[in-house]
């Protein structure tokens, strides 16, 4: 009985995973800080990285901090189309100048500011669950009406763990070296516009938990060029902030993307700015099931994948490009 139940569960997971998340061109989370709802696709290995530099000026503490660093993300589609494993983090150097009551001091911090390993799984895909609208042959008005179901997003869940080794100066006093992280991710594709929302609960086993929300809007200008804007709100007893980001991404071929971005915040404890550049590269080892390819289900699968791709890029039926991803 138990073996039968386990087999049925795996069969359900495998069946729901037949719907392709894979796209013909790279699907990057850069240059924003949010995660998209869709995975990279099975047997796709993707690396996203870039340097950044900036400044934090804290009027309350009397510190002026010059910052440079590099962030990274490694993503891999494993077993099922809807499942993605990833590791992300950043290495950061801070040169701090403190001027307090006429006394000046200098210090340098240098270490991995964050490291997180996790998994993301797509639990709801409106392209699959809701199906596609067929044209109304008797009413032009019905075809032009706003369709409320387009507001229903794709939804993924994320679970991960933060980890740190050695004597890390970026850990708060008393903070553990391992802590869980969870997130709910949604994504709407509206032609040339994409909206991604992330609700994040971080360091859940610590005394000072952190909660964040990120809203990212991406607009495809051409099949190879896109702009993005992003808002991030952070709330915890140690650090709270409101951050705005903006930037652009450019697609080169099917597996390579370049990006630039910048951020500012809206307070002076500290006042922050940063600029960044980055690159995303995909090693595409994706293979399509030959049995599916030869079946009617395979044809439907390709049509769904193409529909999702066209909605993301805003192309017509004769288009041949794709958007740079957020």
C-alpha atoms as a PDB file:
ATOM      1  CA  UNK A   1       0.000   0.000   0.000  1.00  0.00           C
ATOM      2  CA  UNK A   2       2.787   2.374   0.930  1.00  0.00           C
ATOM      3  CA  UNK A   3       4.731   1.593  -2.273  1.00  0.00           C
ATOM      4  CA  UNK A   4       1.570   2.203  -4.306  1.00  0.00           C
ATOM      5  CA  UNK A   5       1.012   5.577  -2.654  1.00  0.00           C
ATOM      6  CA  UNK A   6       4.624   6.616  -3.247  1.00  0.00           C
ATOM      7  CA  UNK A   7       4.427   5.527  -6.893  1.00  0.00           C
ATOM      8  CA  UNK A   8       1.169   7.482  -7.378  1.00  0.00           C
ATOM      9  CA  UNK A   9       2.721  10.599  -5.844  1.00  0.00           C
ATOM     10  CA  UNK A  10       5.787  10.410  -8.081  1.00  0.00           C
ATOM     11  CA  UNK A  11       3.557   9.825 -11.104  1.00  0.00           C
ATOM     12  CA  UNK A  12       1.559  12.972 -10.312  1.00  0.00           C
ATOM     13  CA  UNK A  13       4.736  15.027  -9.903  1.00  0.00           C
ATOM     14  CA  UNK A  14       6.189  13.677 -13.137  1.00  0.00           C
ATOM     15  CA  UNK A  15       2.946  14.329 -15.043  1.00  0.00           C
ATOM     16  CA  UNK A  16       2.650  17.927 -13.893  1.00  0.00           C
ATOM     17  CA  UNK A  17       6.298  18.437 -14.730  1.00  0.00           C
ATOM     18  CA  UNK A  18       5.877  17.570 -18.411  1.00  0.00           C
ATOM     19  CA  UNK A  19       4.817  21.128 -19.141  1.00  0.00           C
ATOM     20  CA  UNK A  20       7.977  22.840 -20.327  1.00  0.00           C
ATOM     21  CA  UNK A  21       9.610  25.659 -18.375  1.00  0.00           C
ATOM     22  CA  UNK A  22      12.497  25.651 -20.826  1.00  0.00           C
ATOM     23  CA  UNK A  23      12.675  28.539 -23.306  1.00  0.00           C
ATOM     24  CA  UNK A  24      14.757  28.876 -26.453  1.00  0.00           C
ATOM     25  CA  UNK A  25      16.800  31.750 -24.975  1.00  0.00           C
ATOM     26  CA  UNK A  26      18.316  32.342 -21.553  1.00  0.00           C
ATOM     27  CA  UNK A  27      15.959  33.174 -18.681  1.00  0.00           C
ATOM     28  CA  UNK A  28      17.975  35.222 -16.159  1.00  0.00           C
ATOM     29  CA  UNK A  29      17.033  36.700 -12.779  1.00  0.00           C
ATOM     30  CA  UNK A  30      19.481  39.575 -13.345  1.00  0.00           C
ATOM     31  CA  UNK A  31      19.742  42.500 -13.089  1.00  0.00           C
ATOM     32  CA  UNK A  32      17.048  42.707 -10.380  1.00  0.00           C
ATOM     33  CA  UNK A  33      17.116  41.026  -6.985  1.00  0.00           C
ATOM     34  CA  UNK A  34      13.854  39.109  -7.395  1.00  0.00           C
ATOM     35  CA  UNK A  35      13.455  35.518  -8.600  1.00  0.00           C
ATOM     36  CA  UNK A  36      11.151  34.710 -11.510  1.00  0.00           C
ATOM     37  CA  UNK A  37       8.546  31.998 -11.023  1.00  0.00           C
ATOM     38  CA  UNK A  38       9.778  29.746 -13.841  1.00  0.00           C
ATOM     39  CA  UNK A  39      12.779  27.432 -13.668  1.00  0.00           C
ATOM     40  CA  UNK A  40      15.605  27.258 -16.202  1.00  0.00           C
ATOM     41  CA  UNK A  41      14.499  23.812 -17.456  1.00  0.00           C
ATOM     42  CA  UNK A  42      15.900  20.347 -16.908  1.00  0.00           C
ATOM     43  CA  UNK A  43      19.612  19.813 -17.548  1.00  0.00           C
ATOM     44  CA  UNK A  44      20.211  23.543 -17.953  1.00  0.00           C
ATOM     45  CA  UNK A  45      23.134  24.955 -15.953  1.00  0.00           C
ATOM     46  CA  UNK A  46      23.096  28.730 -15.664  1.00  0.00           C
ATOM     47  CA  UNK A  47      25.576  31.131 -14.069  1.00  0.00           C
ATOM     48  CA  UNK A  48      24.708  34.748 -13.263  1.00  0.00           C
ATOM     49  CA  UNK A  49      27.295  37.106 -11.785  1.00  0.00           C
ATOM     50  CA  UNK A  50      28.558  40.667 -11.743  1.00  0.00           C
ATOM     51  CA  UNK A  51      30.601  43.261  -9.809  1.00  0.00           C
ATOM     52  CA  UNK A  52      29.137  46.229  -7.962  1.00  0.00           C
ATOM     53  CA  UNK A  53      30.413  49.243  -6.066  1.00  0.00           C
ATOM     54  CA  UNK A  54      28.814  52.038  -4.056  1.00  0.00           C
ATOM     55  CA  UNK A  55      28.675  53.946  -0.802  1.00  0.00           C
ATOM     56  CA  UNK A  56      26.797  53.905   2.509  1.00  0.00           C
ATOM     57  CA  UNK A  57      26.719  57.143   4.542  1.00  0.00           C
ATOM     58  CA  UNK A  58      25.272  56.699   8.047  1.00  0.00           C
ATOM     59  CA  UNK A  59      24.586  60.054   9.713  1.00  0.00           C
ATOM     60  CA  UNK A  60      23.631  58.503  13.061  1.00  0.00           C
ATOM     61  CA  UNK A  61      26.835  56.492  13.450  1.00  0.00           C
ATOM     62  CA  UNK A  62      29.061  58.994  11.674  1.00  0.00           C
ATOM     63  CA  UNK A  63      30.362  56.384   9.225  1.00  0.00           C
ATOM     64  CA  UNK A  64      31.161  56.650   5.539  1.00  0.00           C
ATOM     65  CA  UNK A  65      31.603  53.274   3.845  1.00  0.00           C
ATOM     66  CA  UNK A  66      32.989  52.610   0.383  1.00  0.00           C
ATOM     67  CA  UNK A  67      31.782  49.255  -0.953  1.00  0.00           C
ATOM     68  CA  UNK A  68      32.818  46.919  -3.732  1.00  0.00           C
ATOM     69  CA  UNK A  69      31.861  43.322  -4.265  1.00  0.00           C
ATOM     70  CA  UNK A  70      30.622  40.619  -6.592  1.00  0.00           C
ATOM     71  CA  UNK A  71      27.397  38.651  -6.453  1.00  0.00           C
ATOM     72  CA  UNK A  72      26.645  35.326  -8.068  1.00  0.00           C
ATOM     73  CA  UNK A  73      23.930  32.776  -8.660  1.00  0.00           C
ATOM     74  CA  UNK A  74      24.218  29.233  -9.991  1.00  0.00           C
ATOM     75  CA  UNK A  75      20.962  27.628 -11.193  1.00  0.00           C
ATOM     76  CA  UNK A  76      20.266  24.080 -12.344  1.00  0.00           C
ATOM     77  CA  UNK A  77      17.093  22.349 -13.520  1.00  0.00           C
ATOM     78  CA  UNK A  78      16.929  18.893 -11.952  1.00  0.00           C
ATOM     79  CA  UNK A  79      14.584  15.919 -12.521  1.00  0.00           C
ATOM     80  CA  UNK A  80      11.412  17.905 -13.310  1.00  0.00           C
ATOM     81  CA  UNK A  81      10.758  20.889 -15.563  1.00  0.00           C
ATOM     82  CA  UNK A  82       9.206  22.775 -12.651  1.00  0.00           C
ATOM     83  CA  UNK A  83      12.081  22.207 -10.208  1.00  0.00           C
ATOM     84  CA  UNK A  84      15.197  24.349  -9.923  1.00  0.00           C
ATOM     85  CA  UNK A  85      18.121  24.095  -7.511  1.00  0.00           C
ATOM     86  CA  UNK A  86      20.201  27.211  -6.957  1.00  0.00           C
ATOM     87  CA  UNK A  87      22.965  28.703  -4.888  1.00  0.00           C
ATOM     88  CA  UNK A  88      23.403  32.449  -4.539  1.00  0.00           C
ATOM     89  CA  UNK A  89      25.494  34.883  -2.568  1.00  0.00           C
ATOM     90  CA  UNK A  90      27.918  37.785  -2.596  1.00  0.00           C
ATOM     91  CA  UNK A  91      31.464  38.581  -1.561  1.00  0.00           C
ATOM     92  CA  UNK A  92      31.836  42.146  -0.304  1.00  0.00           C
ATOM     93  CA  UNK A  93      34.588  44.532   0.825  1.00  0.00           C
ATOM     94  CA  UNK A  94      33.754  47.526   3.013  1.00  0.00           C
ATOM     95  CA  UNK A  95      36.254  50.329   3.752  1.00  0.00           C
ATOM     96  CA  UNK A  96      34.751  52.192   6.705  1.00  0.00           C
ATOM     97  CA  UNK A  97      35.724  55.670   7.882  1.00  0.00           C
ATOM     98  CA  UNK A  98      34.226  56.687  11.235  1.00  0.00           C
ATOM     99  CA  UNK A  99      34.120  60.248  12.548  1.00  0.00           C
ATOM    100  CA  UNK A 100      32.602  60.267  16.041  1.00  0.00           C
ATOM    101  CA  UNK A 101      32.964  63.172  18.485  1.00  0.00           C
ATOM    102  CA  UNK A 102      36.004  64.443  16.613  1.00  0.00           C
ATOM    103  CA  UNK A 103      37.742  61.061  16.616  1.00  0.00           C
ATOM    104  CA  UNK A 104      38.461  59.480  13.247  1.00  0.00           C
ATOM    105  CA  UNK A 105      39.016  55.781  12.724  1.00  0.00           C
ATOM    106  CA  UNK A 106      39.245  53.389   9.808  1.00  0.00           C
ATOM    107  CA  UNK A 107      38.364  49.724   9.396  1.00  0.00           C
ATOM    108  CA  UNK A 108      37.939  47.160   6.635  1.00  0.00           C
ATOM    109  CA  UNK A 109      35.483  44.275   6.446  1.00  0.00           C
ATOM    110  CA  UNK A 110      35.912  41.602   3.795  1.00  0.00           C
ATOM    111  CA  UNK A 111      34.086  38.278   3.539  1.00  0.00           C
ATOM    112  CA  UNK A 112      31.103  36.525   2.006  1.00  0.00           C
ATOM    113  CA  UNK A 113      28.182  38.733   2.972  1.00  0.00           C
ATOM    114  CA  UNK A 114      25.653  36.056   2.053  1.00  0.00           C
ATOM    115  CA  UNK A 115      25.463  32.463   0.854  1.00  0.00           C
ATOM    116  CA  UNK A 116      22.195  30.632   0.315  1.00  0.00           C
ATOM    117  CA  UNK A 117      21.365  27.253  -1.184  1.00  0.00           C
ATOM    118  CA  UNK A 118      17.777  26.448  -2.062  1.00  0.00           C
ATOM    119  CA  UNK A 119      15.154  24.952  -4.338  1.00  0.00           C
ATOM    120  CA  UNK A 120      12.263  26.525  -6.263  1.00  0.00           C
ATOM    121  CA  UNK A 121       9.208  24.655  -7.508  1.00  0.00           C
ATOM    122  CA  UNK A 122       6.414  25.958  -9.752  1.00  0.00           C
ATOM    123  CA  UNK A 123       3.119  24.944  -8.137  1.00  0.00           C
ATOM    124  CA  UNK A 124       0.744  26.769 -10.499  1.00  0.00           C
ATOM    125  CA  UNK A 125       1.127  27.668 -14.171  1.00  0.00           C
ATOM    126  CA  UNK A 126      -1.884  29.539 -15.605  1.00  0.00           C
ATOM    127  CA  UNK A 127      -0.846  28.616 -19.143  1.00  0.00           C
ATOM    128  CA  UNK A 128      -1.446  24.979 -18.232  1.00  0.00           C
ATOM    129  CA  UNK A 129      -4.150  25.051 -15.542  1.00  0.00           C
ATOM    130  CA  UNK A 130      -6.443  27.627 -17.171  1.00  0.00           C
ATOM    131  CA  UNK A 131      -5.837  26.730 -20.793  1.00  0.00           C
ATOM    132  CA  UNK A 132      -5.821  29.126 -23.728  1.00  0.00           C
ATOM    133  CA  UNK A 133      -8.756  31.235 -24.882  1.00  0.00           C
ATOM    134  CA  UNK A 134     -10.193  30.338 -28.256  1.00  0.00           C
ATOM    135  CA  UNK A 135     -11.397  33.161 -30.520  1.00  0.00           C
ATOM    136  CA  UNK A 136     -15.116  33.881 -30.500  1.00  0.00           C
ATOM    137  CA  UNK A 137     -16.232  33.419 -34.113  1.00  0.00           C
ATOM    138  CA  UNK A 138     -19.487  35.324 -33.549  1.00  0.00           C
ATOM    139  CA  UNK A 139     -18.450  38.388 -31.549  1.00  0.00           C
ATOM    140  CA  UNK A 140     -15.601  40.812 -32.266  1.00  0.00           C
ATOM    141  CA  UNK A 141     -16.431  42.627 -29.016  1.00  0.00           C
ATOM    142  CA  UNK A 142     -16.025  39.453 -26.968  1.00  0.00           C
ATOM    143  CA  UNK A 143     -12.567  38.941 -28.448  1.00  0.00           C
ATOM    144  CA  UNK A 144     -11.528  42.480 -27.471  1.00  0.00           C
ATOM    145  CA  UNK A 145     -12.828  42.408 -23.913  1.00  0.00           C
ATOM    146  CA  UNK A 146     -10.419  42.414 -20.980  1.00  0.00           C
ATOM    147  CA  UNK A 147      -9.898  38.887 -19.669  1.00  0.00           C
ATOM    148  CA  UNK A 148      -9.735  38.821 -15.887  1.00  0.00           C
ATOM    149  CA  UNK A 149      -7.855  35.529 -15.816  1.00  0.00           C
ATOM    150  CA  UNK A 150      -4.793  37.289 -17.250  1.00  0.00           C
ATOM    151  CA  UNK A 151      -4.371  38.766 -13.768  1.00  0.00           C
ATOM    152  CA  UNK A 152      -3.806  35.278 -12.335  1.00  0.00           C
ATOM    153  CA  UNK A 153      -0.039  34.761 -12.004  1.00  0.00           C
ATOM    154  CA  UNK A 154       2.226  31.771 -12.130  1.00  0.00           C
ATOM    155  CA  UNK A 155       3.148  30.819  -8.551  1.00  0.00           C
ATOM    156  CA  UNK A 156       6.297  29.175  -7.179  1.00  0.00           C
ATOM    157  CA  UNK A 157       7.508  28.361  -3.680  1.00  0.00           C
ATOM    158  CA  UNK A 158      11.121  28.597  -2.564  1.00  0.00           C
ATOM    159  CA  UNK A 159      12.883  27.028   0.422  1.00  0.00           C
ATOM    160  CA  UNK A 160      16.535  27.480   1.251  1.00  0.00           C
ATOM    161  CA  UNK A 161      19.187  27.822   3.918  1.00  0.00           C
ATOM    162  CA  UNK A 162      21.732  30.557   4.630  1.00  0.00           C
ATOM    163  CA  UNK A 163      25.190  29.339   5.606  1.00  0.00           C
ATOM    164  CA  UNK A 164      28.469  30.869   6.722  1.00  0.00           C
ATOM    165  CA  UNK A 165      31.859  29.496   7.745  1.00  0.00           C
ATOM    166  CA  UNK A 166      34.608  30.793  10.003  1.00  0.00           C
ATOM    167  CA  UNK A 167      34.666  34.177  11.709  1.00  0.00           C
ATOM    168  CA  UNK A 168      32.420  36.236   9.449  1.00  0.00           C
ATOM    169  CA  UNK A 169      32.235  39.979  10.327  1.00  0.00           C
ATOM    170  CA  UNK A 170      28.890  40.320   8.526  1.00  0.00           C
ATOM    171  CA  UNK A 171      27.092  38.126  11.068  1.00  0.00           C
ATOM    172  CA  UNK A 172      25.277  40.004  13.816  1.00  0.00           C
ATOM    173  CA  UNK A 173      26.431  39.254  17.392  1.00  0.00           C
ATOM    174  CA  UNK A 174      24.855  35.954  18.390  1.00  0.00           C
ATOM    175  CA  UNK A 175      23.703  35.100  14.880  1.00  0.00           C
ATOM    176  CA  UNK A 176      23.985  31.451  13.909  1.00  0.00           C
ATOM    177  CA  UNK A 177      25.901  30.269  10.870  1.00  0.00           C
ATOM    178  CA  UNK A 178      22.895  28.397   9.444  1.00  0.00           C
ATOM    179  CA  UNK A 179      19.306  29.630   9.133  1.00  0.00           C
ATOM    180  CA  UNK A 180      16.286  28.831   6.921  1.00  0.00           C
ATOM    181  CA  UNK A 181      14.790  31.054   4.250  1.00  0.00           C
ATOM    182  CA  UNK A 182      11.440  30.801   2.425  1.00  0.00           C
ATOM    183  CA  UNK A 183       9.649  32.737  -0.300  1.00  0.00           C
ATOM    184  CA  UNK A 184       6.495  32.896  -2.394  1.00  0.00           C
ATOM    185  CA  UNK A 185       7.106  33.986  -5.996  1.00  0.00           C
ATOM    186  CA  UNK A 186       4.541  35.148  -8.550  1.00  0.00           C
ATOM    187  CA  UNK A 187       4.922  36.160 -12.191  1.00  0.00           C
ATOM    188  CA  UNK A 188       2.557  37.734 -14.720  1.00  0.00           C
ATOM    189  CA  UNK A 189       3.468  37.871 -18.421  1.00  0.00           C
ATOM    190  CA  UNK A 190       1.527  40.536 -20.323  1.00  0.00           C
ATOM    191  CA  UNK A 191       3.020  40.749 -23.789  1.00  0.00           C
ATOM    192  CA  UNK A 192       6.049  43.028 -23.556  1.00  0.00           C
ATOM    193  CA  UNK A 193       5.512  43.584 -19.816  1.00  0.00           C
ATOM    194  CA  UNK A 194       6.430  41.184 -17.011  1.00  0.00           C
ATOM    195  CA  UNK A 195       5.566  41.645 -13.319  1.00  0.00           C
ATOM    196  CA  UNK A 196       7.382  39.572 -10.686  1.00  0.00           C
ATOM    197  CA  UNK A 197       6.554  39.668  -6.960  1.00  0.00           C
ATOM    198  CA  UNK A 198       8.589  38.036  -4.183  1.00  0.00           C
ATOM    199  CA  UNK A 199       7.497  37.722  -0.543  1.00  0.00           C
ATOM    200  CA  UNK A 200      10.494  36.601   1.519  1.00  0.00           C
ATOM    201  CA  UNK A 201      10.928  35.420   5.109  1.00  0.00           C
ATOM    202  CA  UNK A 202      14.601  35.151   6.057  1.00  0.00           C
ATOM    203  CA  UNK A 203      16.698  33.938   9.022  1.00  0.00           C
ATOM    204  CA  UNK A 204      13.630  32.287  10.525  1.00  0.00           C
ATOM    205  CA  UNK A 205      15.443  30.617  13.427  1.00  0.00           C
ATOM    206  CA  UNK A 206      17.199  33.810  14.535  1.00  0.00           C
ATOM    207  CA  UNK A 207      16.058  36.336  17.134  1.00  0.00           C
ATOM    208  CA  UNK A 208      16.114  39.054  14.469  1.00  0.00           C
ATOM    209  CA  UNK A 209      14.097  37.669  11.582  1.00  0.00           C
ATOM    210  CA  UNK A 210      13.909  39.576   8.317  1.00  0.00           C
ATOM    211  CA  UNK A 211      10.932  40.042   5.999  1.00  0.00           C
ATOM    212  CA  UNK A 212      11.090  41.542   2.525  1.00  0.00           C
ATOM    213  CA  UNK A 213       8.906  42.216  -0.471  1.00  0.00           C
ATOM    214  CA  UNK A 214      10.200  42.823  -3.997  1.00  0.00           C
ATOM    215  CA  UNK A 215       8.195  44.050  -6.991  1.00  0.00           C
ATOM    216  CA  UNK A 216       9.956  44.003 -10.377  1.00  0.00           C
ATOM    217  CA  UNK A 217       8.564  45.303 -13.670  1.00  0.00           C
ATOM    218  CA  UNK A 218      10.359  44.478 -16.926  1.00  0.00           C
ATOM    219  CA  UNK A 219       9.538  45.969 -20.334  1.00  0.00           C
ATOM    220  CA  UNK A 220      10.883  44.524 -23.577  1.00  0.00           C
ATOM    221  CA  UNK A 221      11.853  47.359 -25.923  1.00  0.00           C
ATOM    222  CA  UNK A 222      13.238  45.143 -28.687  1.00  0.00           C
ATOM    223  CA  UNK A 223      13.680  41.355 -28.886  1.00  0.00           C
ATOM    224  CA  UNK A 224      17.218  41.832 -27.512  1.00  0.00           C
ATOM    225  CA  UNK A 225      16.867  44.830 -25.181  1.00  0.00           C
ATOM    226  CA  UNK A 226      14.805  45.307 -22.009  1.00  0.00           C
ATOM    227  CA  UNK A 227      14.439  47.854 -19.202  1.00  0.00           C
ATOM    228  CA  UNK A 228      13.476  47.121 -15.615  1.00  0.00           C
ATOM    229  CA  UNK A 229      12.414  48.940 -12.447  1.00  0.00           C
ATOM    230  CA  UNK A 230      12.226  47.443  -8.974  1.00  0.00           C
ATOM    231  CA  UNK A 231      11.124  48.281  -5.441  1.00  0.00           C
ATOM    232  CA  UNK A 232      12.293  46.349  -2.373  1.00  0.00           C
ATOM    233  CA  UNK A 233      11.024  46.824   1.152  1.00  0.00           C
ATOM    234  CA  UNK A 234      12.950  45.262   4.060  1.00  0.00           C
ATOM    235  CA  UNK A 235      11.666  44.946   7.624  1.00  0.00           C
ATOM    236  CA  UNK A 236      13.540  43.614  10.668  1.00  0.00           C
ATOM    237  CA  UNK A 237      14.475  44.799  14.157  1.00  0.00           C
ATOM    238  CA  UNK A 238      18.089  45.335  13.052  1.00  0.00           C
ATOM    239  CA  UNK A 239      17.737  46.753   9.552  1.00  0.00           C
ATOM    240  CA  UNK A 240      14.797  48.202   7.631  1.00  0.00           C
ATOM    241  CA  UNK A 241      14.921  49.985   4.299  1.00  0.00           C
ATOM    242  CA  UNK A 242      13.120  50.997   1.108  1.00  0.00           C
ATOM    243  CA  UNK A 243      15.234  50.479  -2.007  1.00  0.00           C
ATOM    244  CA  UNK A 244      14.643  51.382  -5.650  1.00  0.00           C
ATOM    245  CA  UNK A 245      16.557  49.804  -8.541  1.00  0.00           C
ATOM    246  CA  UNK A 246      16.564  50.362 -12.286  1.00  0.00           C
ATOM    247  CA  UNK A 247      18.593  49.093 -15.196  1.00  0.00           C
ATOM    248  CA  UNK A 248      18.742  47.376 -18.550  1.00  0.00           C
ATOM    249  CA  UNK A 249      19.682  44.011 -20.059  1.00  0.00           C
ATOM    250  CA  UNK A 250      20.897  43.065 -23.529  1.00  0.00           C
ATOM    251  CA  UNK A 251      20.654  39.606 -25.048  1.00  0.00           C
ATOM    252  CA  UNK A 252      23.472  38.255 -27.264  1.00  0.00           C
ATOM    253  CA  UNK A 253      22.502  35.046 -29.020  1.00  0.00           C
ATOM    254  CA  UNK A 254      20.464  32.458 -27.136  1.00  0.00           C
ATOM    255  CA  UNK A 255      22.663  31.801 -24.116  1.00  0.00           C
ATOM    256  CA  UNK A 256      24.342  35.078 -23.147  1.00  0.00           C
ATOM    257  CA  UNK A 257      23.018  38.263 -21.495  1.00  0.00           C
ATOM    258  CA  UNK A 258      24.718  41.463 -20.265  1.00  0.00           C
ATOM    259  CA  UNK A 259      23.185  43.948 -17.827  1.00  0.00           C
ATOM    260  CA  UNK A 260      23.729  47.234 -15.968  1.00  0.00           C
ATOM    261  CA  UNK A 261      21.801  48.581 -12.980  1.00  0.00           C
ATOM    262  CA  UNK A 262      21.829  50.986 -10.061  1.00  0.00           C
ATOM    263  CA  UNK A 263      20.111  51.470  -6.705  1.00  0.00           C
ATOM    264  CA  UNK A 264      19.259  54.200  -4.219  1.00  0.00           C
ATOM    265  CA  UNK A 265      17.352  54.171  -0.930  1.00  0.00           C
ATOM    266  CA  UNK A 266      15.173  56.685   0.895  1.00  0.00           C
ATOM    267  CA  UNK A 267      16.742  57.259   4.315  1.00  0.00           C
ATOM    268  CA  UNK A 268      20.032  58.454   5.831  1.00  0.00           C
ATOM    269  CA  UNK A 269      20.714  55.654   8.329  1.00  0.00           C
ATOM    270  CA  UNK A 270      22.395  54.792   6.029  1.00  0.00           C
ATOM    271  CA  UNK A 271      21.970  56.661   2.755  1.00  0.00           C
ATOM    272  CA  UNK A 272      22.898  54.204   0.003  1.00  0.00           C
ATOM    273  CA  UNK A 273      23.779  54.124  -3.676  1.00  0.00           C
ATOM    274  CA  UNK A 274      25.277  51.407  -5.850  1.00  0.00           C
ATOM    275  CA  UNK A 275      25.969  50.683  -9.507  1.00  0.00           C
ATOM    276  CA  UNK A 276      26.478  47.235 -10.985  1.00  0.00           C
ATOM    277  CA  UNK A 277      27.150  45.335 -14.173  1.00  0.00           C
ATOM    278  CA  UNK A 278      26.707  41.688 -14.881  1.00  0.00           C
ATOM    279  CA  UNK A 279      26.640  38.714 -17.183  1.00  0.00           C
ATOM    280  CA  UNK A 280      24.417  35.636 -17.407  1.00  0.00           C
ATOM    281  CA  UNK A 281      25.495  32.534 -19.307  1.00  0.00           C
ATOM    282  CA  UNK A 282      23.581  29.314 -19.949  1.00  0.00           C
ATOM    283  CA  UNK A 283      25.039  25.880 -20.631  1.00  0.00           C
ATOM    284  CA  UNK A 284      22.114  24.313 -22.444  1.00  0.00           C
ATOM    285  CA  UNK A 285      21.976  20.527 -22.133  1.00  0.00           C
ATOM    286  CA  UNK A 286      18.195  20.398 -22.209  1.00  0.00           C
ATOM    287  CA  UNK A 287      16.728  17.328 -23.871  1.00  0.00           C
ATOM    288  CA  UNK A 288      13.102  16.855 -24.859  1.00  0.00           C
ATOM    289  CA  UNK A 289      11.512  13.468 -24.268  1.00  0.00           C
ATOM    290  CA  UNK A 290      11.444  11.710 -27.661  1.00  0.00           C
ATOM    291  CA  UNK A 291       8.179   9.917 -26.883  1.00  0.00           C
ATOM    292  CA  UNK A 292       6.490  13.221 -26.102  1.00  0.00           C
ATOM    293  CA  UNK A 293       7.910  14.792 -29.235  1.00  0.00           C
ATOM    294  CA  UNK A 294       6.307  12.091 -31.379  1.00  0.00           C
ATOM    295  CA  UNK A 295       2.907  12.309 -29.684  1.00  0.00           C
ATOM    296  CA  UNK A 296       0.020  14.765 -29.767  1.00  0.00           C
ATOM    297  CA  UNK A 297       0.972  15.701 -26.208  1.00  0.00           C
ATOM    298  CA  UNK A 298       4.384  16.675 -27.502  1.00  0.00           C
ATOM    299  CA  UNK A 299       2.811  19.022 -30.042  1.00  0.00           C
ATOM    300  CA  UNK A 300       0.654  20.602 -27.342  1.00  0.00           C
ATOM    301  CA  UNK A 301       3.689  20.971 -25.141  1.00  0.00           C
ATOM    302  CA  UNK A 302       5.621  22.852 -27.818  1.00  0.00           C
ATOM    303  CA  UNK A 303       2.636  25.110 -28.450  1.00  0.00           C
ATOM    304  CA  UNK A 304       2.364  25.966 -24.745  1.00  0.00           C
ATOM    305  CA  UNK A 305       6.087  26.721 -24.555  1.00  0.00           C
ATOM    306  CA  UNK A 306       5.875  28.943 -27.650  1.00  0.00           C
ATOM    307  CA  UNK A 307       2.807  30.748 -26.274  1.00  0.00           C
ATOM    308  CA  UNK A 308       4.609  31.510 -23.014  1.00  0.00           C
ATOM    309  CA  UNK A 309       7.663  32.709 -24.941  1.00  0.00           C
ATOM    310  CA  UNK A 310       5.597  34.934 -27.258  1.00  0.00           C
ATOM    311  CA  UNK A 311       3.699  36.454 -24.328  1.00  0.00           C
ATOM    312  CA  UNK A 312       7.001  37.249 -22.658  1.00  0.00           C
ATOM    313  CA  UNK A 313       8.556  38.854 -25.746  1.00  0.00           C
ATOM    314  CA  UNK A 314       5.479  40.537 -27.161  1.00  0.00           C
ATOM    315  CA  UNK A 315       6.248  39.119 -30.604  1.00  0.00           C
ATOM    316  CA  UNK A 316       3.829  38.346 -33.391  1.00  0.00           C
ATOM    317  CA  UNK A 317       3.723  34.944 -35.032  1.00  0.00           C
ATOM    318  CA  UNK A 318       6.603  35.798 -37.345  1.00  0.00           C
ATOM    319  CA  UNK A 319       8.953  37.038 -34.604  1.00  0.00           C
ATOM    320  CA  UNK A 320      12.224  35.264 -34.112  1.00  0.00           C
ATOM    321  CA  UNK A 321      13.722  36.790 -30.984  1.00  0.00           C
ATOM    322  CA  UNK A 322      13.241  36.757 -27.240  1.00  0.00           C
ATOM    323  CA  UNK A 323      13.435  39.281 -24.426  1.00  0.00           C
ATOM    324  CA  UNK A 324      16.329  39.792 -22.054  1.00  0.00           C
ATOM    325  CA  UNK A 325      15.108  38.415 -18.749  1.00  0.00           C
ATOM    326  CA  UNK A 326      14.760  40.123 -15.412  1.00  0.00           C
END
